[in-house]
Amino acid sequence: MELVVNPVPPALPRAEAESFAALSLPTLGHYLEDGFVEPAIRCLVRPETTVVGTAMTVRTTASDSTALHHAAGMILPGQVMVIDTGGDHRHAPLGEVVATQLKVRGAAGVVVDGVVTDIRELRRIGVPVYARGTSLLTTKLHGSGGGGIGGPLVCGGVSVEPGHVVLADENGVLIASRGRLDGVAGTAREDDAEEPELLRAIEAGGLLGELSGASALVRRLSRVSELR
């Protein structure tokens, strides 16, 4: 069975990566509904700062991690490896050896739609890791083919194209196209800038519903209900 290997997408320009890193990622959740990886895929190795990078995609098959071992040596500095295990949540494709290669290559992080192993070693290595959990059962180098590198895949319910932007922190992972993120980034930055004033108003005794406009909506909806 053939294993498809595509060119590696370019990394994000530094200025663009820094701009995304300055965002509060949960603020983006106010304006987007898609692109959020299922919360079952959680932070297992904590990032020191927000994870930002373009997705380098790898799709493995069954218990075979041949494609992943090859791809680990292809990733570019600042990229995030996104791994689709084909629905296998029992075999761990990522452990100390692969994570060491990713660190040497300068990877910004790794997102696995499955489990990982060597969790103590992964935390020592320090590359941010997001996965569904841990396992003692690992993948093997069967060389059975199938899967692929640098192609479209699905990770945690999100359709991912190589080169999509991956944003992650301790809360979770968001994967989307640059255009999709650029469309809401400006509004999110404005929200982030206004939040300290809102917090000060609440601490001074203000009511959140009045400050946010929610209470006005409740009063309007209540009147509509009464009229009915």
C-alpha atoms as a PDB file:
ATOM      1  CA  MET A   1       0.000   0.000   0.000  1.00  0.00           C
ATOM      2  CA  GLU A   2       1.387   3.403  -0.995  1.00  0.00           C
ATOM      3  CA  LEU A   3       2.324   6.030   1.590  1.00  0.00           C
ATOM      4  CA  VAL A   4       1.806   9.544   0.209  1.00  0.00           C
ATOM      5  CA  VAL A   5       4.464  12.148   1.053  1.00  0.00           C
ATOM      6  CA  ASN A   6       3.732  15.779   0.138  1.00  0.00           C
ATOM      7  CA  PRO A   7       5.930  18.888   0.442  1.00  0.00           C
ATOM      8  CA  VAL A   8       6.138  20.525   3.862  1.00  0.00           C
ATOM      9  CA  PRO A   9       4.141  23.804   4.062  1.00  0.00           C
ATOM     10  CA  PRO A  10       6.045  26.966   4.991  1.00  0.00           C
ATOM     11  CA  ALA A  11       6.252  28.176   8.574  1.00  0.00           C
ATOM     12  CA  LEU A  12       4.476  31.347   9.681  1.00  0.00           C
ATOM     13  CA  PRO A  13       6.436  34.593   9.319  1.00  0.00           C
ATOM     14  CA  ARG A  14       7.733  35.660  12.715  1.00  0.00           C
ATOM     15  CA  ALA A  15       5.699  38.880  12.889  1.00  0.00           C
ATOM     16  CA  GLU A  16       2.480  37.006  12.092  1.00  0.00           C
ATOM     17  CA  ALA A  17       3.220  34.329  14.682  1.00  0.00           C
ATOM     18  CA  GLU A  18       3.882  36.968  17.342  1.00  0.00           C
ATOM     19  CA  SER A  19       0.627  38.728  16.471  1.00  0.00           C
ATOM     20  CA  PHE A  20      -1.383  35.528  16.963  1.00  0.00           C
ATOM     21  CA  ALA A  21       0.539  34.693  20.143  1.00  0.00           C
ATOM     22  CA  ALA A  22      -0.526  38.011  21.686  1.00  0.00           C
ATOM     23  CA  LEU A  23      -4.212  37.027  21.482  1.00  0.00           C
ATOM     24  CA  SER A  24      -6.155  35.547  24.383  1.00  0.00           C
ATOM     25  CA  LEU A  25      -7.295  32.349  22.691  1.00  0.00           C
ATOM     26  CA  PRO A  26     -10.587  31.987  24.622  1.00  0.00           C
ATOM     27  CA  THR A  27     -11.552  35.399  23.222  1.00  0.00           C
ATOM     28  CA  LEU A  28     -11.556  33.807  19.766  1.00  0.00           C
ATOM     29  CA  GLY A  29     -14.166  31.417  21.147  1.00  0.00           C
ATOM     30  CA  HIS A  30     -16.557  34.383  21.368  1.00  0.00           C
ATOM     31  CA  TYR A  31     -16.503  34.759  17.583  1.00  0.00           C
ATOM     32  CA  LEU A  32     -15.842  31.310  16.113  1.00  0.00           C
ATOM     33  CA  GLU A  33     -17.717  28.011  16.337  1.00  0.00           C
ATOM     34  CA  ASP A  34     -15.582  25.813  14.110  1.00  0.00           C
ATOM     35  CA  GLY A  35     -11.935  24.815  14.296  1.00  0.00           C
ATOM     36  CA  PHE A  36     -11.901  23.925  17.997  1.00  0.00           C
ATOM     37  CA  VAL A  37     -10.421  20.483  18.592  1.00  0.00           C
ATOM     38  CA  GLU A  38     -12.543  18.232  20.820  1.00  0.00           C
ATOM     39  CA  PRO A  39     -11.778  18.930  24.500  1.00  0.00           C
ATOM     40  CA  ALA A  40     -10.954  15.240  25.015  1.00  0.00           C
ATOM     41  CA  ILE A  41      -7.662  16.176  23.358  1.00  0.00           C
ATOM     42  CA  ARG A  42      -6.113  18.048  26.250  1.00  0.00           C
ATOM     43  CA  CYS A  43      -2.829  19.586  27.271  1.00  0.00           C
ATOM     44  CA  LEU A  44      -0.463  16.911  28.651  1.00  0.00           C
ATOM     45  CA  VAL A  45       2.797  18.858  28.372  1.00  0.00           C
ATOM     46  CA  ARG A  46       2.173  22.492  29.235  1.00  0.00           C
ATOM     47  CA  PRO A  47       3.434  25.236  26.925  1.00  0.00           C
ATOM     48  CA  GLU A  48       5.441  28.108  28.416  1.00  0.00           C
ATOM     49  CA  THR A  49       3.649  30.509  26.072  1.00  0.00           C
ATOM     50  CA  THR A  50       0.837  30.251  23.535  1.00  0.00           C
ATOM     51  CA  VAL A  51       1.585  27.625  20.888  1.00  0.00           C
ATOM     52  CA  VAL A  52       1.484  29.130  17.397  1.00  0.00           C
ATOM     53  CA  GLY A  53       2.525  27.474  14.160  1.00  0.00           C
ATOM     54  CA  THR A  54       1.470  26.064  10.829  1.00  0.00           C
ATOM     55  CA  ALA A  55       0.234  22.492  10.783  1.00  0.00           C
ATOM     56  CA  MET A  56       2.463  19.755   9.457  1.00  0.00           C
ATOM     57  CA  THR A  57       0.036  16.887   9.035  1.00  0.00           C
ATOM     58  CA  VAL A  58       0.702  13.173   9.474  1.00  0.00           C
ATOM     59  CA  ARG A  59      -1.818  10.369   9.128  1.00  0.00           C
ATOM     60  CA  THR A  60      -0.892   6.988  10.555  1.00  0.00           C
ATOM     61  CA  THR A  61      -2.665   3.676  10.020  1.00  0.00           C
ATOM     62  CA  ALA A  62      -3.538   0.956  12.513  1.00  0.00           C
ATOM     63  CA  SER A  63      -0.532   0.514  14.823  1.00  0.00           C
ATOM     64  CA  ASP A  64       2.073   1.600  12.244  1.00  0.00           C
ATOM     65  CA  SER A  65       4.123   4.746  12.966  1.00  0.00           C
ATOM     66  CA  THR A  66       6.439   4.502   9.947  1.00  0.00           C
ATOM     67  CA  ALA A  67       5.064   7.721   8.456  1.00  0.00           C
ATOM     68  CA  LEU A  68       5.483   9.588  11.735  1.00  0.00           C
ATOM     69  CA  HIS A  69       9.139   8.607  12.165  1.00  0.00           C
ATOM     70  CA  HIS A  70       9.905   9.927   8.681  1.00  0.00           C
ATOM     71  CA  ALA A  71       7.842  13.088   9.130  1.00  0.00           C
ATOM     72  CA  ALA A  72       9.530  13.951  12.434  1.00  0.00           C
ATOM     73  CA  GLY A  73      12.717  14.634  10.490  1.00  0.00           C
ATOM     74  CA  MET A  74      10.902  16.879   7.996  1.00  0.00           C
ATOM     75  CA  ILE A  75       9.153  19.340  10.314  1.00  0.00           C
ATOM     76  CA  LEU A  76      10.352  22.945  10.150  1.00  0.00           C
ATOM     77  CA  PRO A  77      11.106  25.215  13.125  1.00  0.00           C
ATOM     78  CA  GLY A  78       7.929  26.776  14.497  1.00  0.00           C
ATOM     79  CA  GLN A  79       5.571  24.217  12.976  1.00  0.00           C
ATOM     80  CA  VAL A  80       3.082  22.083  14.905  1.00  0.00           C
ATOM     81  CA  MET A  81       2.791  18.404  14.076  1.00  0.00           C
ATOM     82  CA  VAL A  82      -0.855  17.311  13.830  1.00  0.00           C
ATOM     83  CA  ILE A  83      -1.364  13.534  13.900  1.00  0.00           C
ATOM     84  CA  ASP A  84      -4.471  11.664  12.760  1.00  0.00           C
ATOM     85  CA  THR A  85      -4.244   8.082  14.042  1.00  0.00           C
ATOM     86  CA  GLY A  86      -7.151   6.864  11.936  1.00  0.00           C
ATOM     87  CA  GLY A  87      -9.332   6.425  14.989  1.00  0.00           C
ATOM     88  CA  ASP A  88      -6.840   4.282  16.934  1.00  0.00           C
ATOM     89  CA  HIS A  89      -6.892   5.547  20.525  1.00  0.00           C
ATOM     90  CA  ARG A  90      -5.025   2.553  21.991  1.00  0.00           C
ATOM     91  CA  HIS A  91      -1.550   2.629  20.398  1.00  0.00           C
ATOM     92  CA  ALA A  92       0.703   5.569  21.311  1.00  0.00           C
ATOM     93  CA  PRO A  93       2.610   6.922  18.280  1.00  0.00           C
ATOM     94  CA  LEU A  94       4.434   9.630  20.243  1.00  0.00           C
ATOM     95  CA  GLY A  95       7.008   8.989  22.949  1.00  0.00           C
ATOM     96  CA  GLU A  96      10.464  10.090  24.041  1.00  0.00           C
ATOM     97  CA  VAL A  97      12.269   9.314  20.778  1.00  0.00           C
ATOM     98  CA  VAL A  98       9.860  11.090  18.419  1.00  0.00           C
ATOM     99  CA  ALA A  99       9.519  14.034  20.813  1.00  0.00           C
ATOM    100  CA  THR A 100      13.308  14.378  20.970  1.00  0.00           C
ATOM    101  CA  GLN A 101      13.458  14.576  17.182  1.00  0.00           C
ATOM    102  CA  LEU A 102      10.697  17.202  17.168  1.00  0.00           C
ATOM    103  CA  LYS A 103      12.545  19.284  19.746  1.00  0.00           C
ATOM    104  CA  VAL A 104      15.814  19.128  17.812  1.00  0.00           C
ATOM    105  CA  ARG A 105      13.945  20.229  14.681  1.00  0.00           C
ATOM    106  CA  GLY A 106      12.403  23.194  16.534  1.00  0.00           C
ATOM    107  CA  ALA A 107       8.761  22.086  16.508  1.00  0.00           C
ATOM    108  CA  ALA A 108       6.371  24.412  18.316  1.00  0.00           C
ATOM    109  CA  GLY A 109       4.181  21.538  19.520  1.00  0.00           C
ATOM    110  CA  VAL A 110       2.324  18.368  18.641  1.00  0.00           C
ATOM    111  CA  VAL A 111      -1.390  17.496  18.611  1.00  0.00           C
ATOM    112  CA  VAL A 112      -2.293  13.796  18.600  1.00  0.00           C
ATOM    113  CA  ASP A 113      -5.803  12.498  17.984  1.00  0.00           C
ATOM    114  CA  GLY A 114      -4.940   9.536  20.148  1.00  0.00           C
ATOM    115  CA  VAL A 115      -2.703   8.651  23.075  1.00  0.00           C
ATOM    116  CA  VAL A 116       0.986   9.145  23.872  1.00  0.00           C
ATOM    117  CA  THR A 117       3.543   7.383  26.038  1.00  0.00           C
ATOM    118  CA  ASP A 118       6.665   8.249  28.082  1.00  0.00           C
ATOM    119  CA  ILE A 119       4.803  11.112  29.726  1.00  0.00           C
ATOM    120  CA  ARG A 120       7.591  11.858  32.233  1.00  0.00           C
ATOM    121  CA  GLU A 121      10.117  12.044  29.429  1.00  0.00           C
ATOM    122  CA  LEU A 122       7.788  14.158  27.285  1.00  0.00           C
ATOM    123  CA  ARG A 123       7.497  16.662  30.125  1.00  0.00           C
ATOM    124  CA  ARG A 124      11.275  16.737  30.505  1.00  0.00           C
ATOM    125  CA  ILE A 125      11.758  17.323  26.774  1.00  0.00           C
ATOM    126  CA  GLY A 126       9.268  20.149  26.951  1.00  0.00           C
ATOM    127  CA  VAL A 127       7.676  20.211  23.484  1.00  0.00           C
ATOM    128  CA  PRO A 128       3.997  21.048  24.162  1.00  0.00           C
ATOM    129  CA  VAL A 129       1.831  17.950  23.704  1.00  0.00           C
ATOM    130  CA  TYR A 130      -1.932  17.656  23.299  1.00  0.00           C
ATOM    131  CA  ALA A 131      -3.501  14.186  23.262  1.00  0.00           C
ATOM    132  CA  ARG A 132      -6.395  12.080  24.549  1.00  0.00           C
ATOM    133  CA  GLY A 133      -4.327  10.438  27.274  1.00  0.00           C
ATOM    134  CA  THR A 134      -1.450   8.036  27.821  1.00  0.00           C
ATOM    135  CA  SER A 135      -0.825   4.360  27.134  1.00  0.00           C
ATOM    136  CA  LEU A 136       1.805   1.682  27.574  1.00  0.00           C
ATOM    137  CA  LEU A 137       0.813   0.151  24.231  1.00  0.00           C
ATOM    138  CA  THR A 138       2.853   1.701  21.411  1.00  0.00           C
ATOM    139  CA  THR A 139       2.881   1.741  17.631  1.00  0.00           C
ATOM    140  CA  LYS A 140       5.441  -0.270  15.642  1.00  0.00           C
ATOM    141  CA  LEU A 141       7.437   0.183  12.436  1.00  0.00           C
ATOM    142  CA  HIS A 142       5.442  -2.246  10.326  1.00  0.00           C
ATOM    143  CA  GLY A 143       6.120  -0.426   7.056  1.00  0.00           C
ATOM    144  CA  SER A 144       2.676  -1.490   5.917  1.00  0.00           C
ATOM    145  CA  GLY A 145       2.028   1.675   3.914  1.00  0.00           C
ATOM    146  CA  GLY A 146      -1.100   3.749   3.887  1.00  0.00           C
ATOM    147  CA  GLY A 147      -1.460   6.993   5.741  1.00  0.00           C
ATOM    148  CA  GLY A 148       0.463   9.993   4.551  1.00  0.00           C
ATOM    149  CA  ILE A 149       2.496  13.098   5.237  1.00  0.00           C
ATOM    150  CA  GLY A 150       1.450  16.636   4.354  1.00  0.00           C
ATOM    151  CA  GLY A 151      -2.112  15.851   3.322  1.00  0.00           C
ATOM    152  CA  PRO A 152      -5.568  16.764   4.625  1.00  0.00           C
ATOM    153  CA  LEU A 153      -6.790  14.956   7.725  1.00  0.00           C
ATOM    154  CA  VAL A 154      -9.209  15.145  10.632  1.00  0.00           C
ATOM    155  CA  CYS A 155      -7.991  15.758  14.178  1.00  0.00           C
ATOM    156  CA  GLY A 156     -10.394  15.934  17.086  1.00  0.00           C
ATOM    157  CA  GLY A 157     -13.331  16.524  14.781  1.00  0.00           C
ATOM    158  CA  VAL A 158     -11.609  19.359  12.905  1.00  0.00           C
ATOM    159  CA  SER A 159     -10.728  19.175   9.214  1.00  0.00           C
ATOM    160  CA  VAL A 160      -7.084  20.196   8.925  1.00  0.00           C
ATOM    161  CA  GLU A 161      -5.153  21.201   5.830  1.00  0.00           C
ATOM    162  CA  PRO A 162      -1.354  21.393   5.834  1.00  0.00           C
ATOM    163  CA  GLY A 163      -0.405  25.010   6.504  1.00  0.00           C
ATOM    164  CA  HIS A 164      -3.457  25.777   8.621  1.00  0.00           C
ATOM    165  CA  VAL A 165      -2.636  27.832  11.699  1.00  0.00           C
ATOM    166  CA  VAL A 166      -2.559  25.935  14.999  1.00  0.00           C
ATOM    167  CA  LEU A 167      -3.163  27.959  18.174  1.00  0.00           C
ATOM    168  CA  ALA A 168      -3.074  26.242  21.562  1.00  0.00           C
ATOM    169  CA  ASP A 169      -2.753  26.975  25.259  1.00  0.00           C
ATOM    170  CA  GLU A 170      -3.671  25.164  28.464  1.00  0.00           C
ATOM    171  CA  ASN A 171      -7.370  25.464  27.572  1.00  0.00           C
ATOM    172  CA  GLY A 172      -7.265  23.636  24.258  1.00  0.00           C
ATOM    173  CA  VAL A 173      -6.459  23.750  20.553  1.00  0.00           C
ATOM    174  CA  LEU A 174      -7.820  25.796  17.643  1.00  0.00           C
ATOM    175  CA  ILE A 175      -6.902  24.979  14.038  1.00  0.00           C
ATOM    176  CA  ALA A 176      -8.062  27.199  11.173  1.00  0.00           C
ATOM    177  CA  SER A 177      -6.960  28.881   7.982  1.00  0.00           C
ATOM    178  CA  ARG A 178      -5.099  32.193   8.169  1.00  0.00           C
ATOM    179  CA  GLY A 179      -7.978  33.945   6.474  1.00  0.00           C
ATOM    180  CA  ARG A 180     -10.506  32.630   8.990  1.00  0.00           C
ATOM    181  CA  LEU A 181      -8.388  33.784  11.909  1.00  0.00           C
ATOM    182  CA  ASP A 182      -7.515  37.133  10.349  1.00  0.00           C
ATOM    183  CA  GLY A 183     -11.246  37.801   9.994  1.00  0.00           C
ATOM    184  CA  VAL A 184     -11.800  37.811  13.764  1.00  0.00           C
ATOM    185  CA  ALA A 185      -8.373  38.664  15.165  1.00  0.00           C
ATOM    186  CA  GLY A 186      -8.949  42.420  15.080  1.00  0.00           C
ATOM    187  CA  THR A 187     -12.214  42.192  17.003  1.00  0.00           C
ATOM    188  CA  ALA A 188     -10.626  39.787  19.500  1.00  0.00           C
ATOM    189  CA  ARG A 189      -7.787  42.249  20.113  1.00  0.00           C
ATOM    190  CA  GLU A 190     -10.302  45.002  20.803  1.00  0.00           C
ATOM    191  CA  ASP A 191     -12.082  42.744  23.303  1.00  0.00           C
ATOM    192  CA  ASP A 192      -8.808  41.902  25.019  1.00  0.00           C
ATOM    193  CA  ALA A 193      -8.006  45.602  25.329  1.00  0.00           C
ATOM    194  CA  GLU A 194     -11.421  46.375  26.885  1.00  0.00           C
ATOM    195  CA  GLU A 195     -11.486  43.475  29.356  1.00  0.00           C
ATOM    196  CA  PRO A 196      -9.352  45.090  32.110  1.00  0.00           C
ATOM    197  CA  GLU A 197     -11.806  47.993  32.303  1.00  0.00           C
ATOM    198  CA  LEU A 198     -14.742  45.565  32.550  1.00  0.00           C
ATOM    199  CA  LEU A 199     -13.031  43.666  35.367  1.00  0.00           C
ATOM    200  CA  ARG A 200     -12.364  46.883  37.258  1.00  0.00           C
ATOM    201  CA  ALA A 201     -16.020  47.870  36.927  1.00  0.00           C
ATOM    202  CA  ILE A 202     -17.142  44.476  38.311  1.00  0.00           C
ATOM    203  CA  GLU A 203     -14.684  44.709  41.198  1.00  0.00           C
ATOM    204  CA  ALA A 204     -16.058  48.188  41.952  1.00  0.00           C
ATOM    205  CA  GLY A 205     -19.549  46.724  42.405  1.00  0.00           C
ATOM    206  CA  GLY A 206     -20.933  46.773  38.879  1.00  0.00           C
ATOM    207  CA  LEU A 207     -23.263  43.995  37.758  1.00  0.00           C
ATOM    208  CA  LEU A 208     -21.975  41.929  34.859  1.00  0.00           C
ATOM    209  CA  GLY A 209     -25.383  41.676  33.190  1.00  0.00           C
ATOM    210  CA  GLU A 210     -25.788  45.458  33.136  1.00  0.00           C
ATOM    211  CA  LEU A 211     -22.240  46.014  31.913  1.00  0.00           C
ATOM    212  CA  SER A 212     -22.410  43.402  29.161  1.00  0.00           C
ATOM    213  CA  GLY A 213     -25.952  44.200  28.018  1.00  0.00           C
ATOM    214  CA  ALA A 214     -27.266  40.751  28.999  1.00  0.00           C
ATOM    215  CA  SER A 215     -29.670  42.190  31.572  1.00  0.00           C
ATOM    216  CA  ALA A 216     -31.233  44.467  28.964  1.00  0.00           C
ATOM    217  CA  LEU A 217     -31.772  41.437  26.752  1.00  0.00           C
ATOM    218  CA  VAL A 218     -33.358  39.530  29.629  1.00  0.00           C
ATOM    219  CA  ARG A 219     -35.755  42.412  30.307  1.00  0.00           C
ATOM    220  CA  ARG A 220     -36.696  42.607  26.641  1.00  0.00           C
ATOM    221  CA  LEU A 221     -37.232  38.867  26.369  1.00  0.00           C
ATOM    222  CA  SER A 222     -39.240  38.849  29.597  1.00  0.00           C
ATOM    223  CA  ARG A 223     -41.583  41.514  28.212  1.00  0.00           C
ATOM    224  CA  VAL A 224     -42.059  39.465  25.062  1.00  0.00           C
ATOM    225  CA  SER A 225     -42.931  36.447  27.227  1.00  0.00           C
ATOM    226  CA  GLU A 226     -45.429  38.480  29.267  1.00  0.00           C
ATOM    227  CA  LEU A 227     -47.148  39.722  26.109  1.00  0.00           C
ATOM    228  CA  ARG A 228     -47.637  36.165  24.981  1.00  0.00           C
END
